[in-house]
N, C-alpha and C. Protein backbone atom coordinates (compact mmCIF):
# COMPACT_ATOMS: atom_id res chain seq x y z
N UNK A 1 1.16 -0.83 -0.12
CA UNK A 1 0.05 -0.10 0.04
C UNK A 1 0.63 1.19 -0.06
N UNK A 2 0.90 2.72 -1.03
CA UNK A 2 1.09 3.18 -0.80
C UNK A 2 0.62 4.49 -0.78
N UNK A 3 0.64 5.72 -0.79
CA UNK A 3 -0.10 6.85 -0.49
C UNK A 3 0.67 8.46 -1.66
N UNK A 4 0.37 8.88 -2.27
CA UNK A 4 0.77 9.80 -4.06
C UNK A 4 -0.14 11.19 -2.88
N UNK A 5 -0.36 12.33 -2.81
CA UNK A 5 -0.67 13.28 -2.17
C UNK A 5 -0.47 13.98 -4.37
N UNK A 6 -1.41 14.18 -4.62
CA UNK A 6 -1.17 14.87 -6.50
C UNK A 6 -1.69 16.03 -6.50
N UNK A 7 -1.20 17.22 -7.23
CA UNK A 7 -1.38 18.18 -7.18
C UNK A 7 -1.62 18.23 -8.81
N UNK A 8 -2.74 18.67 -8.97
CA UNK A 8 -2.73 18.54 -11.08
C UNK A 8 -3.20 20.94 -11.04
N UNK A 9 -2.28 20.69 -12.48
CA UNK A 9 -2.15 22.06 -12.15
C UNK A 9 -2.80 22.46 -14.14
N UNK A 10 -3.61 23.60 -14.52
CA UNK A 10 -3.49 23.23 -15.97
C UNK A 10 -5.83 23.92 -15.92
N UNK A 11 -6.35 23.34 -17.41
CA UNK A 11 -7.71 24.22 -16.73
C UNK A 11 -8.17 22.31 -16.32
N UNK A 12 -8.17 22.38 -15.48
CA UNK A 12 -8.26 21.01 -14.30
C UNK A 12 -9.80 21.54 -13.75
N UNK A 13 -9.94 22.18 -13.82
CA UNK A 13 -12.02 22.68 -12.88
C UNK A 13 -12.79 23.25 -13.32
N UNK A 14 -14.06 22.44 -13.76
CA UNK A 14 -14.80 22.94 -14.18
C UNK A 14 -15.19 22.12 -15.50
N UNK A 15 -14.49 21.15 -15.34
CA UNK A 15 -15.18 20.15 -16.90
C UNK A 15 -14.76 18.70 -16.33
N UNK A 16 -15.52 18.44 -14.94
CA UNK A 16 -15.50 17.14 -14.52
C UNK A 16 -14.57 15.86 -14.13
N UNK A 17 -13.22 17.01 -13.79
CA UNK A 17 -11.95 16.58 -13.20
C UNK A 17 -12.44 15.58 -12.18
N UNK A 18 -12.72 15.40 -11.13
CA UNK A 18 -13.01 15.41 -9.68
C UNK A 18 -14.26 14.39 -9.68
N UNK A 19 -14.87 14.32 -11.12
CA UNK A 19 -15.92 13.31 -11.03
C UNK A 19 -15.43 11.79 -11.32
N UNK A 20 -14.61 12.35 -12.97
CA UNK A 20 -14.41 11.52 -13.65
C UNK A 20 -13.01 10.87 -12.93
N UNK A 21 -11.86 11.38 -12.17
CA UNK A 21 -11.03 10.86 -10.66
C UNK A 21 -11.72 9.86 -10.24
N UNK A 22 -12.83 9.69 -9.50
CA UNK A 22 -13.39 9.78 -9.01
C UNK A 22 -14.03 8.00 -9.43
N UNK A 23 -13.85 8.32 -10.18
CA UNK A 23 -14.61 6.98 -11.58
C UNK A 23 -13.20 6.22 -11.78
N UNK A 24 -12.70 6.68 -12.62
CA UNK A 24 -10.29 6.55 -13.01
C UNK A 24 -10.18 5.48 -11.20
N UNK A 25 -9.81 6.12 -10.16
CA UNK A 25 -9.54 5.74 -8.98
C UNK A 25 -11.11 4.33 -8.06
N UNK A 26 -11.70 4.12 -9.01
CA UNK A 26 -12.92 3.38 -8.71
C UNK A 26 -12.22 1.93 -9.21
N UNK A 27 -12.12 2.27 -10.55
CA UNK A 27 -12.08 1.04 -11.04
C UNK A 27 -10.69 0.00 -11.02
N UNK A 28 -9.28 1.80 -10.18
CA UNK A 28 -8.30 1.17 -10.12
C UNK A 28 -8.42 0.42 -8.06
N UNK A 29 -9.02 0.59 -7.96
CA UNK A 29 -9.34 0.23 -6.94
C UNK A 29 -8.99 1.27 -5.54
N UNK A 30 -8.29 2.50 -6.33
CA UNK A 30 -7.87 3.40 -5.86
C UNK A 30 -8.80 4.74 -4.03
N UNK A 31 -8.45 4.07 -2.89
CA UNK A 31 -9.29 5.00 -1.48
C UNK A 31 -8.11 5.92 -1.56
N UNK A 32 -9.56 7.44 -1.35
CA UNK A 32 -8.40 8.93 -0.23
C UNK A 32 -9.83 9.30 -1.45
N UNK A 33 -9.04 11.08 -2.04
CA UNK A 33 -10.27 11.79 -2.09
C UNK A 33 -9.25 12.42 -3.03
N UNK A 34 -10.82 13.49 -3.69
CA UNK A 34 -10.16 14.42 -3.75
C UNK A 34 -11.02 15.98 -4.84
N UNK A 35 -10.55 17.01 -4.36
CA UNK A 35 -10.97 18.34 -4.31
C UNK A 35 -10.79 19.47 -4.99
N UNK A 36 -10.80 20.39 -5.71
CA UNK A 36 -10.85 22.00 -5.81
C UNK A 36 -9.81 22.98 -5.08
N UNK A 37 -9.21 23.39 -5.75
CA UNK A 37 -8.33 23.86 -4.82
C UNK A 37 -8.49 25.56 -5.12
N UNK A 38 -8.95 26.88 -3.86
CA UNK A 38 -8.33 28.09 -4.64
C UNK A 38 -7.81 28.75 -5.77
N UNK A 39 -6.83 27.97 -5.27
CA UNK A 39 -5.82 28.72 -6.47
C UNK A 39 -5.91 27.99 -7.73
N UNK A 40 -7.24 27.37 -8.53
CA UNK A 40 -7.84 26.70 -9.45
C UNK A 40 -7.03 25.25 -10.04
N UNK A 41 -6.38 24.53 -9.29
CA UNK A 41 -5.91 23.53 -9.13
C UNK A 41 -6.53 22.34 -9.00
N UNK A 42 -6.70 21.00 -9.16
CA UNK A 42 -7.70 20.45 -8.20
C UNK A 42 -6.00 19.40 -7.07
N UNK A 43 -6.70 19.20 -5.88
CA UNK A 43 -5.69 18.47 -5.14
C UNK A 43 -5.82 16.34 -4.95
N UNK A 44 -5.24 16.02 -5.45
CA UNK A 44 -6.15 14.11 -4.31
C UNK A 44 -4.91 14.02 -4.44
N UNK A 45 -5.47 12.69 -3.17
CA UNK A 45 -4.44 12.08 -2.06
C UNK A 45 -5.28 10.42 -2.10
N UNK A 46 -3.91 10.18 -2.50
CA UNK A 46 -4.36 8.57 -3.57
C UNK A 46 -3.75 6.66 -2.94
N UNK A 47 -4.26 6.40 -2.48
CA UNK A 47 -3.48 5.14 -1.94
C UNK A 47 -4.40 3.78 -2.48
N UNK A 48 -3.51 3.30 -2.25
CA UNK A 48 -3.39 1.71 -3.26
C UNK A 48 -1.77 1.27 -3.35
N UNK A 49 -2.75 -0.01 -4.41
CA UNK A 49 -0.50 -0.56 -4.81
C UNK A 49 -0.12 -0.05 -5.07
N UNK A 50 1.42 0.21 -5.49
CA UNK A 50 2.09 1.08 -6.52
C UNK A 50 1.75 1.10 -7.77
N UNK A 51 1.18 -0.64 -8.13
CA UNK A 51 0.72 -0.48 -9.25
C UNK A 51 -0.20 0.33 -10.04
N UNK A 52 -0.97 0.12 -9.30
CA UNK A 52 -2.23 0.92 -9.97
C UNK A 52 -1.73 3.13 -9.35
N UNK A 53 -1.92 2.76 -8.74
CA UNK A 53 -1.74 4.42 -8.20
C UNK A 53 -1.00 5.03 -8.90
N UNK A 54 0.47 4.01 -9.33
CA UNK A 54 1.21 4.97 -11.07
C UNK A 54 -0.05 4.79 -11.61
N UNK A 55 -0.85 3.54 -12.14
CA UNK A 55 -1.97 3.68 -13.67
C UNK A 55 -2.00 4.98 -13.18
N UNK A 56 -2.96 4.59 -12.32
CA UNK A 56 -4.13 6.40 -11.61
C UNK A 56 -3.11 7.30 -11.84
N UNK A 57 -2.68 7.97 -11.38
CA UNK A 57 -1.37 9.36 -12.25
C UNK A 57 -1.17 9.41 -13.55
N UNK A 58 -0.88 7.81 -13.65
CA UNK A 58 -0.79 8.07 -15.78
C UNK A 58 -2.38 8.83 -15.75
N UNK A 59 -3.48 8.34 -15.53
CA UNK A 59 -4.27 9.34 -16.53
C UNK A 59 -4.60 10.86 -15.89
N UNK A 60 -3.96 11.36 -14.42
CA UNK A 60 -3.99 12.06 -14.04
C UNK A 60 -3.11 13.96 -14.93
N UNK A 61 -2.15 13.01 -15.37
CA UNK A 61 -1.78 13.53 -16.55
C UNK A 61 -1.91 14.19 -17.02
N UNK A 62 -3.46 13.24 -18.04
CA UNK A 62 -4.24 13.66 -20.09
C UNK A 62 -5.07 14.09 -18.63
N UNK A 63 -6.48 13.94 -17.34
CA UNK A 63 -7.63 14.13 -17.16
C UNK A 63 -8.54 13.63 -18.16
N UNK A 64 -9.75 13.88 -18.41
CA UNK A 64 -10.81 13.32 -18.74
C UNK A 64 -11.00 14.94 -19.86
N UNK A 65 -11.32 14.70 -21.03
CA UNK A 65 -11.55 15.25 -22.75
C UNK A 65 -11.72 16.50 -22.21
N UNK A 66 -12.52 17.44 -21.50
CA UNK A 66 -12.32 18.80 -21.47
C UNK A 66 -11.28 19.64 -21.18
N UNK A 67 -9.84 18.68 -19.78
CA UNK A 67 -8.89 19.61 -19.58
C UNK A 67 -8.23 19.77 -20.18
N UNK A 68 -6.72 20.77 -19.55
CA UNK A 68 -5.58 20.29 -20.31
C UNK A 68 -4.69 21.08 -18.21
N UNK A 69 -3.61 19.48 -18.79
CA UNK A 69 -2.71 19.69 -17.52
C UNK A 69 -1.88 19.74 -18.05
N UNK A 70 -1.73 20.63 -17.48
CA UNK A 70 -0.54 21.69 -17.14
C UNK A 70 1.17 21.31 -17.18
N UNK A 71 1.04 20.89 -15.42
CA UNK A 71 1.74 19.83 -14.29
C UNK A 71 1.15 18.95 -13.46
N UNK A 72 1.98 18.57 -12.71
CA UNK A 72 1.67 17.53 -11.68
C UNK A 72 2.82 17.29 -10.20
N UNK A 73 1.94 17.88 -9.53
CA UNK A 73 3.25 17.84 -8.39
C UNK A 73 3.19 16.75 -7.23
N UNK A 74 4.15 15.18 -7.39
CA UNK A 74 3.21 14.52 -6.49
C UNK A 74 4.54 14.09 -5.16
N UNK A 75 3.59 13.88 -4.95
CA UNK A 75 4.51 14.32 -2.66
C UNK A 75 3.79 12.52 -2.60
N UNK A 76 5.25 11.72 -1.97
CA UNK A 76 4.81 10.28 -0.90
C UNK A 76 4.67 10.37 -0.44
N UNK A 77 4.26 9.73 0.78
CA UNK A 77 3.54 9.82 2.25
C UNK A 77 2.53 8.72 2.42
N UNK A 78 2.55 8.52 4.26
CA UNK A 78 2.68 7.33 4.78
C UNK A 78 0.86 7.39 4.39
N UNK A 79 0.20 6.25 4.05
CA UNK A 79 -1.20 5.42 4.52
C UNK A 79 -2.27 5.79 4.96
N UNK A 80 -2.58 7.32 4.35
CA UNK A 80 -3.49 7.39 6.03
C UNK A 80 -5.24 5.94 6.04
N UNK A 81 -5.11 4.79 4.74
CA UNK A 81 -5.50 4.00 4.80
C UNK A 81 -7.33 3.97 4.69
N UNK A 82 -7.42 5.49 3.56
CA UNK A 82 -9.07 5.26 3.78
C UNK A 82 -10.29 3.49 3.43
N UNK A 83 -11.42 3.93 3.40
CA UNK A 83 -11.96 3.06 2.31
C UNK A 83 -12.71 3.86 1.64
N UNK A 84 -12.68 5.32 1.00
CA UNK A 84 -13.46 5.37 0.42
C UNK A 84 -12.58 6.37 -0.68
N UNK A 85 -12.66 6.06 -1.79
CA UNK A 85 -12.45 7.42 -2.85
C UNK A 85 -13.96 8.61 -3.16
N UNK A 86 -13.34 10.20 -2.45
CA UNK A 86 -14.47 11.13 -2.43
C UNK A 86 -13.73 12.12 -3.20
N UNK A 87 -15.25 12.25 -3.08
CA UNK A 87 -15.36 14.09 -4.12
C UNK A 87 -15.37 14.85 -2.06
N UNK A 88 -14.36 15.74 -1.92
CA UNK A 88 -14.17 16.50 -0.85
C UNK A 88 -14.74 18.16 -1.84
N UNK A 89 -15.50 18.97 -0.98
CA UNK A 89 -16.15 19.69 -1.72
C UNK A 89 -15.69 21.28 -0.89
């Protein structure tokens, strides 16, 4: 089990990023949460197997169809053992 904190920058709000991230996370068995940040970025905490989290990060580099991801920052952290993947408001 690994945990990655992910900050996604670009045109990532108002394009369904959080909702699609929730669906993609579920397909990979990822737990954690996603939320919009005041600076216009999207922040994600993701936990799962190394392989699945890395695949999820690859998806985050592109995002949903109407998003434009300029860059992402990733930070390792200790697992929190989330039970689900949620959208936080």
